[in-house]
Amino acid sequence: MASSKDFLNFILEQLSELDKITYKTMMGEYIIYLHGKIVGGIYDNRFLVKPTKSARELMPSAPLELPYEGAKPMLMVDNIDDRDFFARLLNAMFDELPEPKKKR
C-alpha cells in the first residue's frame, strides 16, 4: 500500500520548524532527509526513523517496524502531533546518521 500525499504533507508541516527538510518519492513511499542525511521515511502512512541511539532514548517504547519486505527495521514515531518533539528527535539523531553517499 502506498502512502498518501496528504500524510506526507501533514508530516512535512510538522517538520516545518526544521531547516533543510526534503523528501524523495520512492515506489509510492517517501524518504525524508535533514540536511541531506536520511532520517527515515513514510511507509504505509507510518513515519519511521532510523533506530539511532538518540531515537531509542527519546522513544524507549517505540516499536521496531519493517518499512517494506526485506528492509532493516526502523522505529515508528507515534507522537506525530507534537512538532517540538519532532524537532528534538531529528536534531538529536542528526550527528549519528551517516553522511550522504557521494554521487558519481
C-alpha atoms as a PDB file:
ATOM      1  CA  MET A   1       0.000   0.000   0.000  1.00  0.00           C
ATOM      2  CA  ALA A   2       1.402   3.383  -0.968  1.00  0.00           C
ATOM      3  CA  SER A   3       1.407   6.322   1.424  1.00  0.00           C
ATOM      4  CA  SER A   4      -0.913   9.233   0.761  1.00  0.00           C
ATOM      5  CA  LYS A   5       0.229  12.673  -0.322  1.00  0.00           C
ATOM      6  CA  ASP A   6      -1.977  14.070   2.467  1.00  0.00           C
ATOM      7  CA  PHE A   7       0.001  12.158   5.099  1.00  0.00           C
ATOM      8  CA  LEU A   8       3.273  13.361   3.551  1.00  0.00           C
ATOM      9  CA  ASN A   9       2.042  16.963   3.651  1.00  0.00           C
ATOM     10  CA  PHE A  10       0.990  16.562   7.297  1.00  0.00           C
ATOM     11  CA  ILE A  11       4.435  15.224   8.269  1.00  0.00           C
ATOM     12  CA  LEU A  12       6.202  17.966   6.302  1.00  0.00           C
ATOM     13  CA  GLU A  13       4.077  20.555   8.104  1.00  0.00           C
ATOM     14  CA  GLN A  14       5.006  19.006  11.459  1.00  0.00           C
ATOM     15  CA  LEU A  15       8.692  19.214  10.437  1.00  0.00           C
ATOM     16  CA  SER A  16       8.426  22.758   9.073  1.00  0.00           C
ATOM     17  CA  GLU A  17      10.338  24.253  12.024  1.00  0.00           C
ATOM     18  CA  LEU A  18      13.478  22.414  10.870  1.00  0.00           C
ATOM     19  CA  ASP A  19      15.721  23.792   8.136  1.00  0.00           C
ATOM     20  CA  LYS A  20      16.615  21.767   5.066  1.00  0.00           C
ATOM     21  CA  ILE A  21      13.896  19.105   5.241  1.00  0.00           C
ATOM     22  CA  THR A  22      13.480  17.456   1.858  1.00  0.00           C
ATOM     23  CA  TYR A  23      11.954  14.266   0.548  1.00  0.00           C
ATOM     24  CA  LYS A  24      12.152  11.931  -2.409  1.00  0.00           C
ATOM     25  CA  THR A  25       9.419   9.691  -3.718  1.00  0.00           C
ATOM     26  CA  MET A  26      10.352   6.042  -3.993  1.00  0.00           C
ATOM     27  CA  MET A  27       7.852   3.436  -5.190  1.00  0.00           C
ATOM     28  CA  GLY A  28       4.846   5.201  -3.654  1.00  0.00           C
ATOM     29  CA  GLU A  29       6.624   5.936  -0.370  1.00  0.00           C
ATOM     30  CA  TYR A  30       8.702   8.912   0.774  1.00  0.00           C
ATOM     31  CA  ILE A  31      12.277   9.138   2.055  1.00  0.00           C
ATOM     32  CA  ILE A  32      12.795  12.074   4.451  1.00  0.00           C
ATOM     33  CA  TYR A  33      16.110  13.963   4.572  1.00  0.00           C
ATOM     34  CA  LEU A  34      17.524  16.512   7.021  1.00  0.00           C
ATOM     35  CA  HIS A  35      20.442  18.493   5.578  1.00  0.00           C
ATOM     36  CA  GLY A  36      20.918  15.745   3.000  1.00  0.00           C
ATOM     37  CA  LYS A  37      21.034  12.871   5.507  1.00  0.00           C
ATOM     38  CA  ILE A  38      18.306  10.224   5.503  1.00  0.00           C
ATOM     39  CA  VAL A  39      16.476  10.325   8.848  1.00  0.00           C
ATOM     40  CA  GLY A  40      13.653   7.998   7.921  1.00  0.00           C
ATOM     41  CA  GLY A  41      10.608   7.875   5.756  1.00  0.00           C
ATOM     42  CA  ILE A  42       6.906   7.486   5.308  1.00  0.00           C
ATOM     43  CA  TYR A  43       5.848   3.907   4.636  1.00  0.00           C
ATOM     44  CA  ASP A  44       2.209   2.801   4.524  1.00  0.00           C
ATOM     45  CA  ASN A  45       1.226   6.104   6.181  1.00  0.00           C
ATOM     46  CA  ARG A  46       3.623   5.479   9.088  1.00  0.00           C
ATOM     47  CA  PHE A  47       6.529   7.774   9.925  1.00  0.00           C
ATOM     48  CA  LEU A  48       9.567   5.587  10.623  1.00  0.00           C
ATOM     49  CA  VAL A  49      13.052   6.755  11.627  1.00  0.00           C
ATOM     50  CA  LYS A  50      16.431   5.092  11.736  1.00  0.00           C
ATOM     51  CA  PRO A  51      16.982   3.364  15.103  1.00  0.00           C
ATOM     52  CA  THR A  52      19.834   5.584  16.309  1.00  0.00           C
ATOM     53  CA  LYS A  53      20.873   5.693  19.955  1.00  0.00           C
ATOM     54  CA  SER A  54      19.227   9.108  20.376  1.00  0.00           C
ATOM     55  CA  ALA A  55      15.979   7.969  18.786  1.00  0.00           C
ATOM     56  CA  ARG A  56      15.836   4.920  21.068  1.00  0.00           C
ATOM     57  CA  GLU A  57      16.479   7.122  24.122  1.00  0.00           C
ATOM     58  CA  LEU A  58      13.749   9.609  23.161  1.00  0.00           C
ATOM     59  CA  MET A  59      11.277   6.837  22.247  1.00  0.00           C
ATOM     60  CA  PRO A  60      12.127   3.891  24.519  1.00  0.00           C
ATOM     61  CA  SER A  61       8.830   2.112  23.898  1.00  0.00           C
ATOM     62  CA  ALA A  62       8.643   2.751  20.138  1.00  0.00           C
ATOM     63  CA  PRO A  63       8.105  -0.447  18.181  1.00  0.00           C
ATOM     64  CA  LEU A  64      10.566  -1.590  15.541  1.00  0.00           C
ATOM     65  CA  GLU A  65       8.729  -1.972  12.240  1.00  0.00           C
ATOM     66  CA  LEU A  66       9.711  -3.037   8.750  1.00  0.00           C
ATOM     67  CA  PRO A  67       9.220  -0.255   6.225  1.00  0.00           C
ATOM     68  CA  TYR A  68       8.882  -2.886   3.491  1.00  0.00           C
ATOM     69  CA  GLU A  69       9.706  -6.554   2.921  1.00  0.00           C
ATOM     70  CA  GLY A  70      13.441  -7.211   3.216  1.00  0.00           C
ATOM     71  CA  ALA A  71      14.314  -3.842   4.770  1.00  0.00           C
ATOM     72  CA  LYS A  72      16.047  -3.195   8.088  1.00  0.00           C
ATOM     73  CA  PRO A  73      13.685  -2.422  10.992  1.00  0.00           C
ATOM     74  CA  MET A  74      13.034   1.208  11.857  1.00  0.00           C
ATOM     75  CA  LEU A  75      11.412   2.925  14.831  1.00  0.00           C
ATOM     76  CA  MET A  76       7.819   4.012  14.427  1.00  0.00           C
ATOM     77  CA  VAL A  77       7.104   7.553  15.614  1.00  0.00           C
ATOM     78  CA  ASP A  78       3.738   7.579  17.360  1.00  0.00           C
ATOM     79  CA  ASN A  79       3.912  11.154  18.611  1.00  0.00           C
ATOM     80  CA  ILE A  80       3.373  12.759  15.195  1.00  0.00           C
ATOM     81  CA  ASP A  81       1.191  15.588  16.536  1.00  0.00           C
ATOM     82  CA  ASP A  82       3.971  17.155  18.634  1.00  0.00           C
ATOM     83  CA  ARG A  83       6.117  19.487  16.476  1.00  0.00           C
ATOM     84  CA  ASP A  84       8.540  20.215  19.303  1.00  0.00           C
ATOM     85  CA  PHE A  85       9.157  16.507  19.818  1.00  0.00           C
ATOM     86  CA  PHE A  86       9.758  16.038  16.081  1.00  0.00           C
ATOM     87  CA  ALA A  87      12.357  18.810  16.084  1.00  0.00           C
ATOM     88  CA  ARG A  88      14.106  17.405  19.175  1.00  0.00           C
ATOM     89  CA  LEU A  89      14.075  13.894  17.743  1.00  0.00           C
ATOM     90  CA  LEU A  90      15.522  14.718  14.338  1.00  0.00           C
ATOM     91  CA  ASN A  91      18.085  17.171  15.722  1.00  0.00           C
ATOM     92  CA  ALA A  92      19.238  14.589  18.288  1.00  0.00           C
ATOM     93  CA  MET A  93      19.576  11.937  15.577  1.00  0.00           C
ATOM     94  CA  PHE A  94      21.426  14.098  13.057  1.00  0.00           C
ATOM     95  CA  ASP A  95      25.031  13.612  14.226  1.00  0.00           C
ATOM     96  CA  GLU A  96      24.541   9.827  14.447  1.00  0.00           C
ATOM     97  CA  LEU A  97      23.382   9.499  10.846  1.00  0.00           C
ATOM     98  CA  PRO A  98      25.819   8.549   8.092  1.00  0.00           C
ATOM     99  CA  GLU A  99      26.948  11.175   5.620  1.00  0.00           C
ATOM    100  CA  PRO A 100      25.192  11.055   2.253  1.00  0.00           C
ATOM    101  CA  LYS A 101      26.889   8.901  -0.358  1.00  0.00           C
ATOM    102  CA  LYS A 102      28.842  10.845  -2.966  1.00  0.00           C
ATOM    103  CA  LYS A 103      27.258  10.901  -6.404  1.00  0.00           C
ATOM    104  CA  ARG A 104      29.475   9.824  -9.254  1.00  0.00           C
END
